C-alpha cells in the first residue's frame, strides 16, 4: 500500500522542449499528456513477462512525457506572455505529491495522463510535465526518493534507483549516438 505525501520544494522545474530522435515528443502545454503506448506496454507486462515485453516497456519508459502532481496554493507565477507562458516566481513553494511504501521509503509518483491522476487523488492538483530525462534526474537528485512509481493507483510500476539510473544511461547513450 502506498501512502500519499506532500513534499515541499522551492524553485523551478524546467521541462526541455526538444526530444532526441527516439525520445519523447516535445512538451506542449497546450496538448494533453497521454501515453497510450506506455500504458499498453505496462498492461502487456501483466500477462507477458517475456524479454520482448520487458524491452518494449523500457523503450516506452524513455519515450513518454510524465505528469507530476503538485499543489500550487503557494506557487506564484508571472502574468502570461504573448505566447501564454508564465514563469514560476522565486518566492514560490511547490508542493510535490509523493508516496511511500509500508517501510516508509518515499517514491515520486509519475502519471501517464490526467485519468491516472484522477484515479489516485481526489484533491485538485496542477502538474509539471517532465520528459523522461527530467523525471529520472528529479527522482535521483531532488529529495530522498527510493525510486518512482508510474501510475500508482492502477497497474502500478515501481522503479528503483538502479532501474532509473539504467534508464537515464540509455538516454545519455542515445544522445551521444545522435551527436556523433
N, C-alpha and C. Protein backbone atom coordinates (compact mmCIF):
# COMPACT_ATOMS: atom_id res chain seq x y z
N UNK A 1 0.84 -1.18 0.00
CA UNK A 1 0.00 0.00 0.00
C UNK A 1 0.88 1.24 0.00
N UNK A 2 0.62 2.15 -0.88
CA UNK A 2 1.37 3.38 -0.96
C UNK A 2 0.60 4.49 -0.27
N UNK A 3 1.31 5.33 0.45
CA UNK A 3 0.70 6.46 1.13
C UNK A 3 1.02 7.73 0.36
N UNK A 4 0.04 8.64 0.29
CA UNK A 4 0.25 9.90 -0.40
C UNK A 4 0.87 10.90 0.57
N UNK A 5 1.86 11.62 0.12
CA UNK A 5 2.55 12.61 0.92
C UNK A 5 2.77 13.86 0.09
N UNK A 6 2.97 14.98 0.77
CA UNK A 6 3.37 16.19 0.09
C UNK A 6 4.80 16.50 0.51
N UNK A 7 5.62 16.89 -0.42
CA UNK A 7 6.96 17.37 -0.10
C UNK A 7 7.05 18.79 -0.59
N UNK A 8 7.82 19.57 0.10
CA UNK A 8 7.97 20.97 -0.27
C UNK A 8 9.30 21.17 -0.96
N UNK A 9 9.26 21.79 -2.10
CA UNK A 9 10.47 22.17 -2.83
C UNK A 9 10.28 23.60 -3.29
N UNK A 10 11.27 24.42 -3.08
CA UNK A 10 11.23 25.78 -3.58
C UNK A 10 12.08 25.82 -4.83
N UNK A 11 11.58 26.43 -5.87
CA UNK A 11 12.36 26.53 -7.09
C UNK A 11 11.54 26.26 -8.32
N UNK A 12 12.22 26.01 -9.39
CA UNK A 12 11.59 25.84 -10.69
C UNK A 12 12.02 24.50 -11.28
N UNK A 13 11.07 23.79 -11.82
CA UNK A 13 11.39 22.59 -12.59
C UNK A 13 11.27 22.97 -14.06
N UNK A 14 12.27 22.65 -14.83
CA UNK A 14 12.28 23.05 -16.23
C UNK A 14 12.15 21.80 -17.09
N UNK A 15 11.17 21.81 -17.97
CA UNK A 15 10.99 20.69 -18.90
C UNK A 15 11.59 21.09 -20.24
N UNK A 16 12.43 20.24 -20.78
CA UNK A 16 13.05 20.55 -22.06
C UNK A 16 11.99 20.50 -23.16
N UNK A 17 12.18 21.26 -24.19
CA UNK A 17 11.17 21.33 -25.24
C UNK A 17 11.58 20.56 -26.49
N UNK A 18 12.74 19.93 -26.48
CA UNK A 18 13.15 19.17 -27.64
C UNK A 18 13.44 17.73 -27.24
N UNK A 19 13.03 16.82 -28.06
CA UNK A 19 13.25 15.40 -27.79
C UNK A 19 14.37 14.88 -28.70
N UNK A 20 15.03 13.84 -28.24
CA UNK A 20 16.01 13.19 -29.11
C UNK A 20 15.25 12.42 -30.18
N UNK A 21 15.94 11.90 -31.13
CA UNK A 21 15.31 11.23 -32.27
C UNK A 21 14.34 10.15 -31.83
N UNK A 22 14.68 9.35 -30.85
CA UNK A 22 13.81 8.28 -30.39
C UNK A 22 13.19 8.60 -29.04
N UNK A 23 13.27 9.82 -28.60
CA UNK A 23 12.80 10.19 -27.27
C UNK A 23 11.36 10.65 -27.27
N UNK A 24 10.98 11.32 -26.21
CA UNK A 24 9.61 11.78 -26.06
C UNK A 24 9.30 12.91 -27.03
N UNK A 25 8.02 13.14 -27.28
CA UNK A 25 7.66 14.29 -28.10
C UNK A 25 7.98 15.57 -27.34
N UNK A 26 8.15 16.67 -28.05
CA UNK A 26 8.38 17.94 -27.35
C UNK A 26 7.21 18.23 -26.40
N UNK A 27 7.52 18.90 -25.30
CA UNK A 27 6.48 19.26 -24.34
C UNK A 27 5.69 20.42 -24.92
N UNK A 28 4.40 20.24 -25.04
CA UNK A 28 3.49 21.28 -25.49
C UNK A 28 2.40 21.39 -24.44
N UNK A 29 2.44 22.47 -23.65
CA UNK A 29 1.49 22.61 -22.55
C UNK A 29 0.06 22.79 -23.02
N UNK A 30 -0.14 23.02 -24.31
CA UNK A 30 -1.49 23.17 -24.85
C UNK A 30 -2.07 21.84 -25.32
N UNK A 31 -1.30 20.78 -25.24
CA UNK A 31 -1.75 19.45 -25.65
C UNK A 31 -1.75 18.54 -24.43
N UNK A 32 -2.86 17.86 -24.16
CA UNK A 32 -2.89 16.96 -23.00
C UNK A 32 -1.83 15.87 -23.12
N UNK A 33 -1.21 15.54 -22.00
CA UNK A 33 -0.23 14.46 -21.96
C UNK A 33 -0.98 13.14 -21.93
N UNK A 34 -0.69 12.31 -22.89
CA UNK A 34 -1.22 10.95 -22.93
C UNK A 34 -0.08 10.04 -23.36
N UNK A 35 -0.08 8.85 -22.87
CA UNK A 35 0.98 7.91 -23.19
C UNK A 35 0.38 6.54 -23.48
N UNK A 36 -0.42 6.42 -24.54
CA UNK A 36 -1.10 5.15 -24.79
C UNK A 36 -0.13 3.99 -25.03
N UNK A 37 1.02 4.25 -25.64
CA UNK A 37 1.99 3.17 -25.88
C UNK A 37 2.61 2.67 -24.58
N UNK A 38 2.91 3.59 -23.65
CA UNK A 38 3.45 3.18 -22.36
C UNK A 38 2.40 2.43 -21.55
N UNK A 39 1.18 2.92 -21.54
CA UNK A 39 0.10 2.25 -20.80
C UNK A 39 -0.10 0.84 -21.36
N UNK A 40 -0.07 0.71 -22.68
CA UNK A 40 -0.23 -0.61 -23.30
C UNK A 40 0.94 -1.53 -22.94
N UNK A 41 2.17 -0.99 -22.92
CA UNK A 41 3.33 -1.81 -22.57
C UNK A 41 3.26 -2.26 -21.11
N UNK A 42 2.78 -1.38 -20.23
CA UNK A 42 2.62 -1.75 -18.82
C UNK A 42 1.55 -2.83 -18.67
N UNK A 43 0.47 -2.67 -19.39
CA UNK A 43 -0.62 -3.65 -19.34
C UNK A 43 -0.15 -5.00 -19.90
N UNK A 44 0.59 -4.97 -20.97
CA UNK A 44 1.11 -6.20 -21.58
C UNK A 44 1.98 -6.98 -20.60
N UNK A 45 2.78 -6.25 -19.82
CA UNK A 45 3.70 -6.90 -18.89
C UNK A 45 2.97 -7.65 -17.78
N UNK A 46 1.73 -7.31 -17.54
CA UNK A 46 0.94 -8.03 -16.52
C UNK A 46 0.77 -9.50 -16.88
N UNK A 47 0.68 -9.80 -18.17
CA UNK A 47 0.43 -11.17 -18.61
C UNK A 47 1.57 -11.76 -19.44
N UNK A 48 2.46 -10.92 -19.92
CA UNK A 48 3.56 -11.37 -20.77
C UNK A 48 4.86 -10.88 -20.16
N UNK A 49 5.61 -11.78 -19.53
CA UNK A 49 6.87 -11.40 -18.90
C UNK A 49 8.08 -11.76 -19.77
N UNK A 50 7.85 -11.87 -21.06
CA UNK A 50 8.94 -12.20 -21.97
C UNK A 50 9.95 -11.06 -22.03
N UNK A 51 11.14 -11.37 -22.50
CA UNK A 51 12.17 -10.34 -22.68
C UNK A 51 11.73 -9.28 -23.68
N UNK A 52 10.99 -9.70 -24.69
CA UNK A 52 10.48 -8.74 -25.68
C UNK A 52 9.54 -7.74 -25.03
N UNK A 53 8.65 -8.21 -24.16
CA UNK A 53 7.71 -7.31 -23.47
C UNK A 53 8.47 -6.36 -22.54
N UNK A 54 9.48 -6.87 -21.86
CA UNK A 54 10.28 -6.02 -20.96
C UNK A 54 11.06 -4.98 -21.75
N UNK A 55 11.64 -5.39 -22.87
CA UNK A 55 12.39 -4.47 -23.72
C UNK A 55 11.48 -3.36 -24.26
N UNK A 56 10.29 -3.74 -24.69
CA UNK A 56 9.33 -2.76 -25.21
C UNK A 56 8.96 -1.76 -24.11
N UNK A 57 8.76 -2.25 -22.89
CA UNK A 57 8.44 -1.36 -21.77
C UNK A 57 9.58 -0.38 -21.53
N UNK A 58 10.82 -0.87 -21.53
CA UNK A 58 11.97 0.02 -21.32
C UNK A 58 12.03 1.12 -22.38
N UNK A 59 11.77 0.75 -23.62
CA UNK A 59 11.76 1.76 -24.69
C UNK A 59 10.68 2.80 -24.44
N UNK A 60 9.49 2.34 -24.09
CA UNK A 60 8.37 3.27 -23.89
C UNK A 60 8.58 4.16 -22.68
N UNK A 61 9.23 3.65 -21.64
CA UNK A 61 9.50 4.48 -20.46
C UNK A 61 10.36 5.69 -20.82
N UNK A 62 11.26 5.54 -21.78
CA UNK A 62 12.12 6.65 -22.19
C UNK A 62 11.55 7.45 -23.35
N UNK A 63 10.34 7.13 -23.79
CA UNK A 63 9.68 7.90 -24.85
C UNK A 63 8.52 8.74 -24.31
N UNK A 64 8.14 8.52 -23.07
CA UNK A 64 6.95 9.16 -22.51
C UNK A 64 7.26 10.51 -21.89
N UNK A 65 6.28 11.39 -21.90
CA UNK A 65 6.29 12.58 -21.07
C UNK A 65 5.41 12.25 -19.87
N UNK A 66 5.84 12.66 -18.68
CA UNK A 66 5.14 12.30 -17.45
C UNK A 66 4.53 13.53 -16.80
N UNK A 67 3.44 13.30 -16.09
CA UNK A 67 2.84 14.33 -15.26
C UNK A 67 3.26 14.10 -13.82
N UNK A 68 3.68 15.17 -13.16
CA UNK A 68 4.00 15.15 -11.74
C UNK A 68 2.98 16.05 -11.07
N UNK A 69 2.21 15.50 -10.14
CA UNK A 69 1.15 16.27 -9.48
C UNK A 69 1.75 17.20 -8.44
N UNK A 70 1.29 18.46 -8.47
CA UNK A 70 1.75 19.45 -7.50
C UNK A 70 0.55 20.18 -6.92
N UNK A 71 0.75 20.67 -5.72
CA UNK A 71 -0.23 21.56 -5.09
C UNK A 71 0.34 22.95 -5.22
N UNK A 72 -0.41 23.84 -5.85
CA UNK A 72 0.14 25.15 -6.21
C UNK A 72 -0.41 26.29 -5.37
N UNK A 73 -0.94 25.99 -4.18
CA UNK A 73 -1.52 27.04 -3.36
C UNK A 73 -0.49 28.08 -2.89
N UNK A 74 0.78 27.75 -2.89
CA UNK A 74 1.83 28.70 -2.50
C UNK A 74 2.80 28.98 -3.65
N UNK A 75 2.35 28.70 -4.87
CA UNK A 75 3.16 28.97 -6.05
C UNK A 75 2.68 30.26 -6.69
N UNK A 76 3.61 31.13 -6.99
CA UNK A 76 3.30 32.42 -7.60
C UNK A 76 3.90 32.45 -9.00
N UNK A 77 3.10 32.88 -9.96
CA UNK A 77 3.59 32.94 -11.34
C UNK A 77 3.44 34.33 -11.90
N UNK A 78 4.24 34.61 -12.91
CA UNK A 78 4.13 35.88 -13.62
C UNK A 78 2.88 35.85 -14.49
N UNK A 79 2.50 37.00 -14.97
CA UNK A 79 1.40 37.07 -15.93
C UNK A 79 1.84 36.38 -17.21
N UNK A 80 0.94 35.69 -17.89
CA UNK A 80 1.33 35.01 -19.15
C UNK A 80 1.83 36.02 -20.18
N UNK A 81 2.85 35.62 -20.95
CA UNK A 81 3.35 36.46 -22.03
C UNK A 81 2.46 36.28 -23.25
N UNK A 82 2.88 36.85 -24.38
CA UNK A 82 2.06 36.79 -25.60
C UNK A 82 1.86 35.36 -26.10
N UNK A 83 2.73 34.43 -25.68
CA UNK A 83 2.58 33.03 -26.06
C UNK A 83 1.84 32.21 -25.02
N UNK A 84 1.37 32.88 -23.97
CA UNK A 84 0.62 32.18 -22.93
C UNK A 84 1.50 31.50 -21.89
N UNK A 85 2.81 31.75 -21.92
CA UNK A 85 3.72 31.10 -20.98
C UNK A 85 3.93 31.99 -19.76
N UNK A 86 3.95 31.35 -18.59
CA UNK A 86 4.22 32.04 -17.32
C UNK A 86 5.50 31.48 -16.72
N UNK A 87 6.08 32.27 -15.84
CA UNK A 87 7.27 31.86 -15.13
C UNK A 87 6.94 31.71 -13.66
N UNK A 88 7.43 30.64 -13.04
CA UNK A 88 7.25 30.46 -11.61
C UNK A 88 8.21 31.42 -10.92
N UNK A 89 7.67 32.24 -10.00
CA UNK A 89 8.48 33.26 -9.36
C UNK A 89 9.32 32.69 -8.23
N UNK A 90 10.38 33.42 -7.90
CA UNK A 90 11.41 32.98 -6.97
C UNK A 90 10.88 32.60 -5.59
N UNK A 91 9.93 33.31 -5.06
CA UNK A 91 9.45 33.06 -3.69
C UNK A 91 8.40 31.95 -3.61
N UNK A 92 8.22 31.23 -4.69
CA UNK A 92 7.20 30.18 -4.75
C UNK A 92 7.61 28.93 -3.98
N UNK A 93 6.61 28.27 -3.45
CA UNK A 93 6.80 26.95 -2.84
C UNK A 93 5.96 25.98 -3.67
N UNK A 94 6.63 24.97 -4.20
CA UNK A 94 5.95 23.95 -4.99
C UNK A 94 5.85 22.71 -4.12
N UNK A 95 4.64 22.26 -3.89
CA UNK A 95 4.41 21.06 -3.09
C UNK A 95 4.17 19.90 -4.04
N UNK A 96 5.10 18.97 -4.02
CA UNK A 96 5.05 17.83 -4.93
C UNK A 96 4.37 16.66 -4.22
N UNK A 97 3.43 16.03 -4.90
CA UNK A 97 2.79 14.85 -4.35
C UNK A 97 3.80 13.70 -4.36
N UNK A 98 3.94 13.05 -3.22
CA UNK A 98 4.83 11.90 -3.09
C UNK A 98 4.04 10.74 -2.53
N UNK A 99 4.64 9.59 -2.53
CA UNK A 99 4.01 8.41 -1.97
C UNK A 99 5.09 7.61 -1.26
N UNK A 100 4.68 6.73 -0.37
CA UNK A 100 5.66 5.89 0.32
C UNK A 100 5.12 4.48 0.46
N UNK A 101 6.04 3.55 0.65
CA UNK A 101 5.64 2.15 0.85
C UNK A 101 5.49 1.87 2.35
N UNK A 102 5.21 0.62 2.68
CA UNK A 102 4.98 0.23 4.07
C UNK A 102 6.20 0.47 4.95
N UNK A 103 7.39 0.45 4.37
CA UNK A 103 8.61 0.67 5.13
C UNK A 103 8.96 2.15 5.27
N UNK A 104 8.15 3.02 4.70
CA UNK A 104 8.40 4.45 4.77
C UNK A 104 9.31 4.98 3.69
N UNK A 105 9.68 4.15 2.71
CA UNK A 105 10.51 4.62 1.60
C UNK A 105 9.68 5.53 0.69
N UNK A 106 10.22 6.70 0.39
CA UNK A 106 9.49 7.68 -0.41
C UNK A 106 9.73 7.46 -1.90
N UNK A 107 8.64 7.56 -2.67
CA UNK A 107 8.68 7.42 -4.13
C UNK A 107 8.04 8.65 -4.76
N UNK A 108 8.52 9.00 -5.95
CA UNK A 108 7.92 10.05 -6.74
C UNK A 108 6.88 9.42 -7.66
N UNK A 109 5.60 9.76 -7.49
CA UNK A 109 4.61 9.21 -8.41
C UNK A 109 4.64 9.97 -9.74
N UNK A 110 4.73 9.22 -10.82
CA UNK A 110 4.67 9.76 -12.17
C UNK A 110 3.38 9.25 -12.81
N UNK A 111 2.72 10.10 -13.55
CA UNK A 111 1.45 9.72 -14.15
C UNK A 111 1.53 9.83 -15.67
N UNK A 112 0.87 8.89 -16.33
CA UNK A 112 0.87 8.87 -17.79
C UNK A 112 -0.14 9.83 -18.38
N UNK A 113 -1.15 10.19 -17.59
CA UNK A 113 -2.22 11.07 -18.10
C UNK A 113 -3.06 11.54 -16.92
N UNK A 114 -4.00 12.45 -17.21
CA UNK A 114 -4.86 13.00 -16.16
C UNK A 114 -5.81 11.95 -15.58
N UNK A 115 -6.20 10.99 -16.37
CA UNK A 115 -7.06 9.92 -15.87
C UNK A 115 -6.35 9.15 -14.75
N UNK A 116 -5.07 8.90 -14.92
CA UNK A 116 -4.30 8.19 -13.90
C UNK A 116 -4.19 9.02 -12.62
N UNK A 117 -4.06 10.34 -12.76
CA UNK A 117 -4.03 11.21 -11.58
C UNK A 117 -5.38 11.13 -10.85
N UNK A 118 -6.47 11.21 -11.62
CA UNK A 118 -7.81 11.16 -11.03
C UNK A 118 -8.10 9.87 -10.29
N UNK A 119 -7.49 8.78 -10.71
CA UNK A 119 -7.67 7.51 -10.01
C UNK A 119 -6.89 7.47 -8.70
N UNK A 120 -5.90 8.33 -8.57
CA UNK A 120 -5.02 8.30 -7.41
C UNK A 120 -5.38 9.32 -6.33
N UNK A 121 -5.77 10.49 -6.74
CA UNK A 121 -6.03 11.56 -5.78
C UNK A 121 -7.31 12.29 -6.15
N UNK A 122 -8.09 12.63 -5.14
CA UNK A 122 -9.35 13.32 -5.41
C UNK A 122 -9.27 14.81 -5.06
N UNK A 123 -8.10 15.31 -4.74
CA UNK A 123 -7.91 16.73 -4.48
C UNK A 123 -7.51 17.43 -5.76
N UNK A 124 -7.84 18.71 -5.88
CA UNK A 124 -7.40 19.44 -7.08
C UNK A 124 -5.88 19.62 -7.07
N UNK A 125 -5.26 19.32 -8.19
CA UNK A 125 -3.81 19.48 -8.35
C UNK A 125 -3.51 20.12 -9.69
N UNK A 126 -2.34 20.66 -9.78
CA UNK A 126 -1.78 21.09 -11.05
C UNK A 126 -0.67 20.09 -11.37
N UNK A 127 -0.05 20.27 -12.51
CA UNK A 127 1.01 19.33 -12.87
C UNK A 127 2.21 20.05 -13.47
N UNK A 128 3.34 19.38 -13.33
CA UNK A 128 4.52 19.70 -14.10
C UNK A 128 4.64 18.61 -15.14
N UNK A 129 5.12 18.95 -16.32
CA UNK A 129 5.32 17.95 -17.37
C UNK A 129 6.82 17.69 -17.47
N UNK A 130 7.18 16.43 -17.28
CA UNK A 130 8.58 16.04 -17.31
C UNK A 130 8.83 15.05 -18.43
N UNK A 131 9.75 15.37 -19.34
CA UNK A 131 10.26 14.32 -20.23
C UNK A 131 11.03 13.32 -19.36
N UNK A 132 11.32 12.14 -19.86
CA UNK A 132 11.96 11.13 -19.03
C UNK A 132 13.27 11.58 -18.38
N UNK A 133 14.12 12.27 -19.12
CA UNK A 133 15.40 12.72 -18.55
C UNK A 133 15.16 13.56 -17.30
N UNK A 134 14.20 14.48 -17.34
CA UNK A 134 13.92 15.32 -16.19
C UNK A 134 13.28 14.52 -15.06
N UNK A 135 12.42 13.58 -15.40
CA UNK A 135 11.79 12.74 -14.37
C UNK A 135 12.85 11.91 -13.66
N UNK A 136 13.76 11.30 -14.43
CA UNK A 136 14.80 10.48 -13.81
C UNK A 136 15.74 11.33 -12.98
N UNK A 137 16.14 12.50 -13.51
CA UNK A 137 17.03 13.39 -12.75
C UNK A 137 16.37 13.84 -11.44
N UNK A 138 15.09 14.19 -11.51
CA UNK A 138 14.37 14.65 -10.31
C UNK A 138 14.37 13.54 -9.26
N UNK A 139 14.05 12.33 -9.68
CA UNK A 139 13.96 11.21 -8.74
C UNK A 139 15.33 10.87 -8.14
N UNK A 140 16.39 11.05 -8.91
CA UNK A 140 17.72 10.70 -8.44
C UNK A 140 18.39 11.81 -7.62
N UNK A 141 18.03 13.06 -7.90
CA UNK A 141 18.78 14.17 -7.29
C UNK A 141 17.98 15.07 -6.36
N UNK A 142 16.67 15.10 -6.51
CA UNK A 142 15.84 16.02 -5.72
C UNK A 142 15.11 15.24 -4.63
N UNK A 143 15.46 15.47 -3.42
CA UNK A 143 14.76 14.78 -2.35
C UNK A 143 15.40 13.45 -2.03
N UNK A 144 14.71 12.69 -1.26
CA UNK A 144 15.23 11.44 -0.73
C UNK A 144 14.42 10.28 -1.27
N UNK A 145 14.29 10.19 -2.57
CA UNK A 145 13.45 9.17 -3.19
C UNK A 145 14.13 7.81 -3.23
N UNK A 146 13.34 6.80 -2.97
CA UNK A 146 13.78 5.42 -3.10
C UNK A 146 13.60 4.96 -4.56
N UNK A 147 12.80 5.73 -5.31
CA UNK A 147 12.52 5.43 -6.71
C UNK A 147 11.30 6.20 -7.18
N UNK A 148 10.70 5.73 -8.25
CA UNK A 148 9.45 6.30 -8.76
C UNK A 148 8.43 5.18 -8.86
N UNK A 149 7.19 5.58 -8.97
CA UNK A 149 6.13 4.62 -9.29
C UNK A 149 5.25 5.26 -10.35
N UNK A 150 5.12 4.58 -11.48
CA UNK A 150 4.31 5.08 -12.58
C UNK A 150 2.88 4.59 -12.36
N UNK A 151 1.94 5.51 -12.40
CA UNK A 151 0.51 5.23 -12.21
C UNK A 151 0.24 4.39 -10.96
N UNK A 152 0.46 4.98 -9.78
CA UNK A 152 0.34 4.20 -8.54
C UNK A 152 -1.05 3.65 -8.23
N UNK A 153 -2.10 4.17 -8.82
CA UNK A 153 -3.45 3.70 -8.48
C UNK A 153 -3.88 2.47 -9.27
N UNK A 154 -3.34 2.27 -10.45
CA UNK A 154 -3.77 1.16 -11.30
C UNK A 154 -2.58 0.62 -12.08
N UNK A 155 -2.34 -0.68 -11.94
CA UNK A 155 -1.23 -1.33 -12.65
C UNK A 155 0.08 -0.59 -12.38
N UNK A 156 0.31 -0.28 -11.10
CA UNK A 156 1.48 0.49 -10.69
C UNK A 156 2.78 -0.16 -11.13
N UNK A 157 3.70 0.67 -11.57
CA UNK A 157 5.01 0.20 -11.99
C UNK A 157 6.07 0.90 -11.14
N UNK A 158 6.53 0.26 -10.05
CA UNK A 158 7.60 0.86 -9.26
C UNK A 158 8.95 0.65 -9.93
N UNK A 159 9.78 1.67 -9.87
CA UNK A 159 11.14 1.59 -10.42
C UNK A 159 12.12 2.03 -9.33
N UNK A 160 13.12 1.20 -9.07
CA UNK A 160 14.13 1.51 -8.06
C UNK A 160 15.12 2.53 -8.62
N UNK A 161 15.96 3.06 -7.74
CA UNK A 161 17.00 3.99 -8.20
C UNK A 161 17.91 3.33 -9.23
N UNK A 162 18.25 2.07 -9.03
CA UNK A 162 19.10 1.36 -10.00
C UNK A 162 18.44 1.28 -11.37
N UNK A 163 17.16 1.00 -11.40
CA UNK A 163 16.43 0.94 -12.68
C UNK A 163 16.36 2.33 -13.33
N UNK A 164 16.18 3.35 -12.50
CA UNK A 164 16.13 4.72 -13.03
C UNK A 164 17.49 5.11 -13.59
N UNK A 165 18.56 4.77 -12.89
CA UNK A 165 19.91 5.06 -13.39
C UNK A 165 20.14 4.36 -14.73
N UNK A 166 19.66 3.13 -14.86
CA UNK A 166 19.79 2.41 -16.12
C UNK A 166 19.04 3.14 -17.24
N UNK A 167 17.80 3.55 -16.97
CA UNK A 167 17.02 4.27 -17.98
C UNK A 167 17.71 5.58 -18.35
N UNK A 168 18.22 6.30 -17.36
CA UNK A 168 18.92 7.57 -17.63
C UNK A 168 20.16 7.33 -18.47
N UNK A 169 20.86 6.24 -18.22
CA UNK A 169 22.07 5.94 -19.01
C UNK A 169 21.72 5.67 -20.46
N UNK A 170 20.56 5.09 -20.72
CA UNK A 170 20.13 4.82 -22.10
C UNK A 170 19.83 6.12 -22.83
N UNK A 171 19.28 7.11 -22.11
CA UNK A 171 19.04 8.42 -22.73
C UNK A 171 20.38 9.07 -23.07
N UNK A 172 21.32 9.02 -22.13
CA UNK A 172 22.64 9.62 -22.36
C UNK A 172 23.35 8.93 -23.51
N UNK A 173 23.27 7.61 -23.58
CA UNK A 173 23.91 6.87 -24.67
C UNK A 173 23.27 7.22 -26.01
N UNK A 174 21.95 7.34 -26.04
CA UNK A 174 21.24 7.70 -27.26
C UNK A 174 21.62 9.11 -27.70
N UNK A 175 21.75 10.02 -26.74
CA UNK A 175 22.12 11.38 -27.07
C UNK A 175 23.53 11.43 -27.67
N UNK A 176 24.44 10.64 -27.11
CA UNK A 176 25.81 10.58 -27.63
C UNK A 176 25.84 10.02 -29.04
N UNK A 177 25.06 8.96 -29.30
CA UNK A 177 24.99 8.37 -30.64
C UNK A 177 24.45 9.39 -31.64
N UNK A 178 23.39 10.13 -31.24
CA UNK A 178 22.80 11.11 -32.14
C UNK A 178 23.74 12.29 -32.39
N UNK A 179 24.63 12.56 -31.43
CA UNK A 179 25.57 13.66 -31.58
C UNK A 179 26.70 13.31 -32.55
N UNK A 180 27.13 12.05 -32.53
CA UNK A 180 28.27 11.61 -33.35
C UNK A 180 27.93 11.53 -34.82
